[in-house]
Amino acid sequence: MTMARSGEGLAWLPMTLAEDSLEAGTLVRVASDAMPIPIEIRLYRHKGRQGAAIEAAWAALP
């Protein structure tokens, strides 16, 4: 993000990370909602049993 803000590149960022810079005008959005970037996210975990909170989070995933 630092390089994008200084004019030396592009950044692919989550909106939550970019929103302050967008509001301040130090970043501008290049892509629009009409130009989605497909992404596949895979989650991996240790095969052994984890704590209750981790097990509950894992069980809640689709």
PDB file of N, CA and C in Angstrom:
ATOM      1  N   MET A   1       0.823  -1.181   0.000  1.00  0.00           N
ATOM      2  CA  MET A   1       0.000   0.000   0.000  1.00  0.00           C
ATOM      3  C   MET A   1       0.871   1.249   0.000  1.00  0.00           C
ATOM      4  N   THR A   2       1.999   1.188   0.664  1.00  0.00           N
ATOM      5  CA  THR A   2       2.885   2.349   0.721  1.00  0.00           C
ATOM      6  C   THR A   2       3.355   2.742  -0.672  1.00  0.00           C
ATOM      7  N   MET A   3       3.742   1.750  -1.483  1.00  0.00           N
ATOM      8  CA  MET A   3       4.203   2.056  -2.839  1.00  0.00           C
ATOM      9  C   MET A   3       3.071   2.613  -3.697  1.00  0.00           C
ATOM     10  N   ALA A   4       1.869   2.094  -3.537  1.00  0.00           N
ATOM     11  CA  ALA A   4       0.730   2.617  -4.294  1.00  0.00           C
ATOM     12  C   ALA A   4       0.447   4.060  -3.888  1.00  0.00           C
ATOM     13  N   ARG A   5       0.507   4.345  -2.599  1.00  0.00           N
ATOM     14  CA  ARG A   5       0.259   5.718  -2.134  1.00  0.00           C
ATOM     15  C   ARG A   5       1.331   6.686  -2.604  1.00  0.00           C
ATOM     16  N   SER A   6       2.552   6.184  -2.804  1.00  0.00           N
ATOM     17  CA  SER A   6       3.621   7.078  -3.258  1.00  0.00           C
ATOM     18  C   SER A   6       3.705   7.144  -4.781  1.00  0.00           C
ATOM     19  N   GLY A   7       2.777   6.478  -5.480  1.00  0.00           N
ATOM     20  CA  GLY A   7       2.733   6.552  -6.934  1.00  0.00           C
ATOM     21  C   GLY A   7       3.655   5.578  -7.638  1.00  0.00           C
ATOM     22  N   GLU A   8       4.117   4.546  -6.946  1.00  0.00           N
ATOM     23  CA  GLU A   8       5.071   3.613  -7.528  1.00  0.00           C
ATOM     24  C   GLU A   8       4.475   2.249  -7.844  1.00  0.00           C
ATOM     25  N   GLY A   9       3.166   2.120  -7.842  1.00  0.00           N
ATOM     26  CA  GLY A   9       2.590   0.819  -8.159  1.00  0.00           C
ATOM     27  C   GLY A   9       1.115   0.748  -7.843  1.00  0.00           C
ATOM     28  N   LEU A  10       0.598  -0.463  -7.957  1.00  0.00           N
ATOM     29  CA  LEU A  10      -0.798  -0.757  -7.660  1.00  0.00           C
ATOM     30  C   LEU A  10      -0.859  -1.644  -6.431  1.00  0.00           C
ATOM     31  N   ALA A  11      -1.991  -1.647  -5.780  1.00  0.00           N
ATOM     32  CA  ALA A  11      -2.178  -2.520  -4.623  1.00  0.00           C
ATOM     33  C   ALA A  11      -3.544  -3.177  -4.727  1.00  0.00           C
ATOM     34  N   TRP A  12      -3.594  -4.445  -4.433  1.00  0.00           N
ATOM     35  CA  TRP A  12      -4.861  -5.176  -4.366  1.00  0.00           C
ATOM     36  C   TRP A  12      -5.139  -5.375  -2.894  1.00  0.00           C
ATOM     37  N   LEU A  13      -6.080  -4.600  -2.372  1.00  0.00           N
ATOM     38  CA  LEU A  13      -6.292  -4.531  -0.928  1.00  0.00           C
ATOM     39  C   LEU A  13      -7.736  -4.810  -0.556  1.00  0.00           C
ATOM     40  N   PRO A  14      -7.945  -5.336   0.636  1.00  0.00           N
ATOM     41  CA  PRO A  14      -9.321  -5.402   1.135  1.00  0.00           C
ATOM     42  C   PRO A  14      -9.826  -3.982   1.383  1.00  0.00           C
ATOM     43  N   MET A  15     -11.097  -3.759   1.133  1.00  0.00           N
ATOM     44  CA  MET A  15     -11.671  -2.426   1.304  1.00  0.00           C
ATOM     45  C   MET A  15     -11.449  -1.894   2.713  1.00  0.00           C
ATOM     46  N   THR A  16     -11.509  -2.772   3.711  1.00  0.00           N
ATOM     47  CA  THR A  16     -11.322  -2.320   5.090  1.00  0.00           C
ATOM     48  C   THR A  16      -9.940  -1.726   5.310  1.00  0.00           C
ATOM     49  N   LEU A  17      -8.950  -2.179   4.558  1.00  0.00           N
ATOM     50  CA  LEU A  17      -7.600  -1.649   4.692  1.00  0.00           C
ATOM     51  C   LEU A  17      -7.420  -0.367   3.878  1.00  0.00           C
ATOM     52  N   ALA A  18      -8.117  -0.255   2.756  1.00  0.00           N
ATOM     53  CA  ALA A  18      -7.925   0.879   1.850  1.00  0.00           C
ATOM     54  C   ALA A  18      -8.836   2.066   2.128  1.00  0.00           C
ATOM     55  N   GLU A  19      -9.935   1.873   2.855  1.00  0.00           N
ATOM     56  CA  GLU A  19     -10.959   2.916   2.933  1.00  0.00           C
ATOM     57  C   GLU A  19     -10.464   4.251   3.488  1.00  0.00           C
ATOM     58  N   ASP A  20      -9.605   4.258   4.482  1.00  0.00           N
ATOM     59  CA  ASP A  20      -9.108   5.534   5.014  1.00  0.00           C
ATOM     60  C   ASP A  20      -8.294   6.285   3.961  1.00  0.00           C
ATOM     61  N   SER A  21      -7.449   5.566   3.231  1.00  0.00           N
ATOM     62  CA  SER A  21      -6.641   6.199   2.186  1.00  0.00           C
ATOM     63  C   SER A  21      -7.505   6.669   1.023  1.00  0.00           C
ATOM     64  N   LEU A  22      -8.560   5.923   0.699  1.00  0.00           N
ATOM     65  CA  LEU A  22      -9.485   6.353  -0.353  1.00  0.00           C
ATOM     66  C   LEU A  22     -10.201   7.636   0.056  1.00  0.00           C
ATOM     67  N   GLU A  23     -10.667   7.685   1.303  1.00  0.00           N
ATOM     68  CA  GLU A  23     -11.349   8.886   1.799  1.00  0.00           C
ATOM     69  C   GLU A  23     -10.409  10.081   1.852  1.00  0.00           C
ATOM     70  N   ALA A  24      -9.135   9.843   2.187  1.00  0.00           N
ATOM     71  CA  ALA A  24      -8.152  10.924   2.264  1.00  0.00           C
ATOM     72  C   ALA A  24      -7.667  11.357   0.885  1.00  0.00           C
ATOM     73  N   GLY A  25      -7.957  10.540  -0.133  1.00  0.00           N
ATOM     74  CA  GLY A  25      -7.516  10.878  -1.482  1.00  0.00           C
ATOM     75  C   GLY A  25      -6.093  10.464  -1.789  1.00  0.00           C
ATOM     76  N   THR A  26      -5.461   9.698  -0.899  1.00  0.00           N
ATOM     77  CA  THR A  26      -4.093   9.247  -1.160  1.00  0.00           C
ATOM     78  C   THR A  26      -4.072   7.990  -2.014  1.00  0.00           C
ATOM     79  N   LEU A  27      -5.223   7.333  -2.166  1.00  0.00           N
ATOM     80  CA  LEU A  27      -5.398   6.222  -3.103  1.00  0.00           C
ATOM     81  C   LEU A  27      -6.656   6.486  -3.911  1.00  0.00           C
ATOM     82  N   VAL A  28      -6.677   6.009  -5.149  1.00  0.00           N
ATOM     83  CA  VAL A  28      -7.886   6.048  -5.968  1.00  0.00           C
ATOM     84  C   VAL A  28      -8.177   4.632  -6.432  1.00  0.00           C
ATOM     85  N   ARG A  29      -9.444   4.320  -6.546  1.00  0.00           N
ATOM     86  CA  ARG A  29      -9.842   2.976  -6.961  1.00  0.00           C
ATOM     87  C   ARG A  29      -9.705   2.848  -8.471  1.00  0.00           C
ATOM     88  N   VAL A  30      -9.040   1.805  -8.919  1.00  0.00           N
ATOM     89  CA  VAL A  30      -8.836   1.567 -10.343  1.00  0.00           C
ATOM     90  C   VAL A  30      -9.934   0.668 -10.888  1.00  0.00           C
ATOM     91  N   ALA A  31     -10.192  -0.445 -10.231  1.00  0.00           N
ATOM     92  CA  ALA A  31     -11.210  -1.393 -10.681  1.00  0.00           C
ATOM     93  C   ALA A  31     -12.571  -0.972 -10.144  1.00  0.00           C
ATOM     94  N   SER A  32     -13.598  -1.417 -10.819  1.00  0.00           N
ATOM     95  CA  SER A  32     -14.951  -1.132 -10.354  1.00  0.00           C
ATOM     96  C   SER A  32     -15.660  -2.449 -10.060  1.00  0.00           C
ATOM     97  N   ASP A  33     -16.862  -2.354  -9.548  1.00  0.00           N
ATOM     98  CA  ASP A  33     -17.642  -3.562  -9.279  1.00  0.00           C
ATOM     99  C   ASP A  33     -17.938  -4.320 -10.569  1.00  0.00           C
ATOM    100  N   ALA A  34     -17.896  -3.607 -11.705  1.00  0.00           N
ATOM    101  CA  ALA A  34     -18.122  -4.246 -12.999  1.00  0.00           C
ATOM    102  C   ALA A  34     -16.899  -5.036 -13.455  1.00  0.00           C
ATOM    103  N   MET A  35     -15.791  -4.906 -12.732  1.00  0.00           N
ATOM    104  CA  MET A  35     -14.542  -5.576 -13.077  1.00  0.00           C
ATOM    105  C   MET A  35     -14.085  -6.453 -11.919  1.00  0.00           C
ATOM    106  N   PRO A  36     -14.841  -7.481 -11.565  1.00  0.00           N
ATOM    107  CA  PRO A  36     -14.446  -8.294 -10.411  1.00  0.00           C
ATOM    108  C   PRO A  36     -13.177  -9.098 -10.688  1.00  0.00           C
ATOM    109  N   ILE A  37     -12.432  -9.344  -9.657  1.00  0.00           N
ATOM    110  CA  ILE A  37     -11.236 -10.174  -9.748  1.00  0.00           C
ATOM    111  C   ILE A  37     -11.567 -11.481  -9.042  1.00  0.00           C
ATOM    112  N   PRO A  38     -11.689 -12.573  -9.807  1.00  0.00           N
ATOM    113  CA  PRO A  38     -12.036 -13.839  -9.165  1.00  0.00           C
ATOM    114  C   PRO A  38     -10.906 -14.332  -8.267  1.00  0.00           C
ATOM    115  N   ILE A  39     -11.274 -14.912  -7.161  1.00  0.00           N
ATOM    116  CA  ILE A  39     -10.273 -15.422  -6.228  1.00  0.00           C
ATOM    117  C   ILE A  39     -10.821 -16.682  -5.562  1.00  0.00           C
ATOM    118  N   GLU A  40      -9.957 -17.624  -5.369  1.00  0.00           N
ATOM    119  CA  GLU A  40     -10.318 -18.842  -4.653  1.00  0.00           C
ATOM    120  C   GLU A  40      -9.550 -18.835  -3.342  1.00  0.00           C
ATOM    121  N   ILE A  41     -10.250 -19.024  -2.258  1.00  0.00           N
ATOM    122  CA  ILE A  41      -9.610 -19.031  -0.945  1.00  0.00           C
ATOM    123  C   ILE A  41      -9.701 -20.437  -0.373  1.00  0.00           C
ATOM    124  N   ARG A  42      -8.575 -20.951   0.060  1.00  0.00           N
ATOM    125  CA  ARG A  42      -8.530 -22.277   0.683  1.00  0.00           C
ATOM    126  C   ARG A  42      -8.004 -22.126   2.097  1.00  0.00           C
ATOM    127  N   LEU A  43      -8.598 -22.849   3.000  1.00  0.00           N
ATOM    128  CA  LEU A  43      -8.177 -22.819   4.395  1.00  0.00           C
ATOM    129  C   LEU A  43      -7.521 -24.144   4.752  1.00  0.00           C
ATOM    130  N   TYR A  44      -6.438 -24.069   5.483  1.00  0.00           N
ATOM    131  CA  TYR A  44      -5.730 -25.261   5.929  1.00  0.00           C
ATOM    132  C   TYR A  44      -5.539 -25.170   7.434  1.00  0.00           C
ATOM    133  N   ARG A  45      -5.458 -26.313   8.064  1.00  0.00           N
ATOM    134  CA  ARG A  45      -5.262 -26.336   9.506  1.00  0.00           C
ATOM    135  C   ARG A  45      -4.445 -27.556   9.886  1.00  0.00           C
ATOM    136  N   HIS A  46      -3.944 -27.525  11.066  1.00  0.00           N
ATOM    137  CA  HIS A  46      -3.219 -28.670  11.614  1.00  0.00           C
ATOM    138  C   HIS A  46      -4.202 -29.822  11.748  1.00  0.00           C
ATOM    139  N   LYS A  47      -3.776 -31.038  11.435  1.00  0.00           N
ATOM    140  CA  LYS A  47      -4.717 -32.159  11.459  1.00  0.00           C
ATOM    141  C   LYS A  47      -5.109 -32.600  12.863  1.00  0.00           C
ATOM    142  N   GLY A  48      -4.341 -32.203  13.858  1.00  0.00           N
ATOM    143  CA  GLY A  48      -4.676 -32.562  15.233  1.00  0.00           C
ATOM    144  C   GLY A  48      -5.797 -31.701  15.787  1.00  0.00           C
ATOM    145  N   ARG A  49      -6.334 -32.118  16.905  1.00  0.00           N
ATOM    146  CA  ARG A  49      -7.420 -31.379  17.554  1.00  0.00           C
ATOM    147  C   ARG A  49      -6.888 -30.052  18.088  1.00  0.00           C
ATOM    148  N   GLN A  50      -7.685 -29.003  17.928  1.00  0.00           N
ATOM    149  CA  GLN A  50      -7.336 -27.663  18.385  1.00  0.00           C
ATOM    150  C   GLN A  50      -8.214 -27.292  19.572  1.00  0.00           C
ATOM    151  N   GLY A  51      -8.055 -26.073  20.051  1.00  0.00           N
ATOM    152  CA  GLY A  51      -8.890 -25.581  21.139  1.00  0.00           C
ATOM    153  C   GLY A  51     -10.352 -25.485  20.724  1.00  0.00           C
ATOM    154  N   ALA A  52     -11.228 -25.340  21.707  1.00  0.00           N
ATOM    155  CA  ALA A  52     -12.671 -25.316  21.461  1.00  0.00           C
ATOM    156  C   ALA A  52     -13.083 -24.201  20.503  1.00  0.00           C
ATOM    157  N   ALA A  53     -12.495 -23.015  20.644  1.00  0.00           N
ATOM    158  CA  ALA A  53     -12.861 -21.887  19.778  1.00  0.00           C
ATOM    159  C   ALA A  53     -12.486 -22.170  18.324  1.00  0.00           C
ATOM    160  N   ILE A  54     -11.318 -22.733  18.105  1.00  0.00           N
ATOM    161  CA  ILE A  54     -10.883 -23.051  16.742  1.00  0.00           C
ATOM    162  C   ILE A  54     -11.760 -24.152  16.157  1.00  0.00           C
ATOM    163  N   GLU A  55     -12.048 -25.163  16.939  1.00  0.00           N
ATOM    164  CA  GLU A  55     -12.912 -26.246  16.468  1.00  0.00           C
ATOM    165  C   GLU A  55     -14.303 -25.716  16.109  1.00  0.00           C
ATOM    166  N   ALA A  56     -14.835 -24.810  16.915  1.00  0.00           N
ATOM    167  CA  ALA A  56     -16.158 -24.238  16.645  1.00  0.00           C
ATOM    168  C   ALA A  56     -16.136 -23.400  15.369  1.00  0.00           C
ATOM    169  N   ALA A  57     -15.093 -22.596  15.189  1.00  0.00           N
ATOM    170  CA  ALA A  57     -14.974 -21.779  13.977  1.00  0.00           C
ATOM    171  C   ALA A  57     -14.879 -22.671  12.748  1.00  0.00           C
ATOM    172  N   TRP A  58     -14.081 -23.719  12.835  1.00  0.00           N
ATOM    173  CA  TRP A  58     -13.913 -24.641  11.714  1.00  0.00           C
ATOM    174  C   TRP A  58     -15.238 -25.334  11.383  1.00  0.00           C
ATOM    175  N   ALA A  59     -15.971 -25.743  12.403  1.00  0.00           N
ATOM    176  CA  ALA A  59     -17.249 -26.429  12.202  1.00  0.00           C
ATOM    177  C   ALA A  59     -18.303 -25.504  11.591  1.00  0.00           C
ATOM    178  N   ALA A  60     -18.176 -24.202  11.799  1.00  0.00           N
ATOM    179  CA  ALA A  60     -19.156 -23.245  11.289  1.00  0.00           C
ATOM    180  C   ALA A  60     -18.955 -22.913   9.814  1.00  0.00           C
ATOM    181  N   LEU A  61     -17.831 -23.311   9.244  1.00  0.00           N
ATOM    182  CA  LEU A  61     -17.562 -23.008   7.837  1.00  0.00           C
ATOM    183  C   LEU A  61     -18.465 -23.833   6.928  1.00  0.00           C
ATOM    184  N   PRO A  62     -18.841 -23.248   5.778  1.00  0.00           N
ATOM    185  CA  PRO A  62     -19.705 -23.997   4.839  1.00  0.00           C
ATOM    186  C   PRO A  62     -18.979 -25.179   4.224  1.00  0.00           C
TER     187      PRO A  62
END
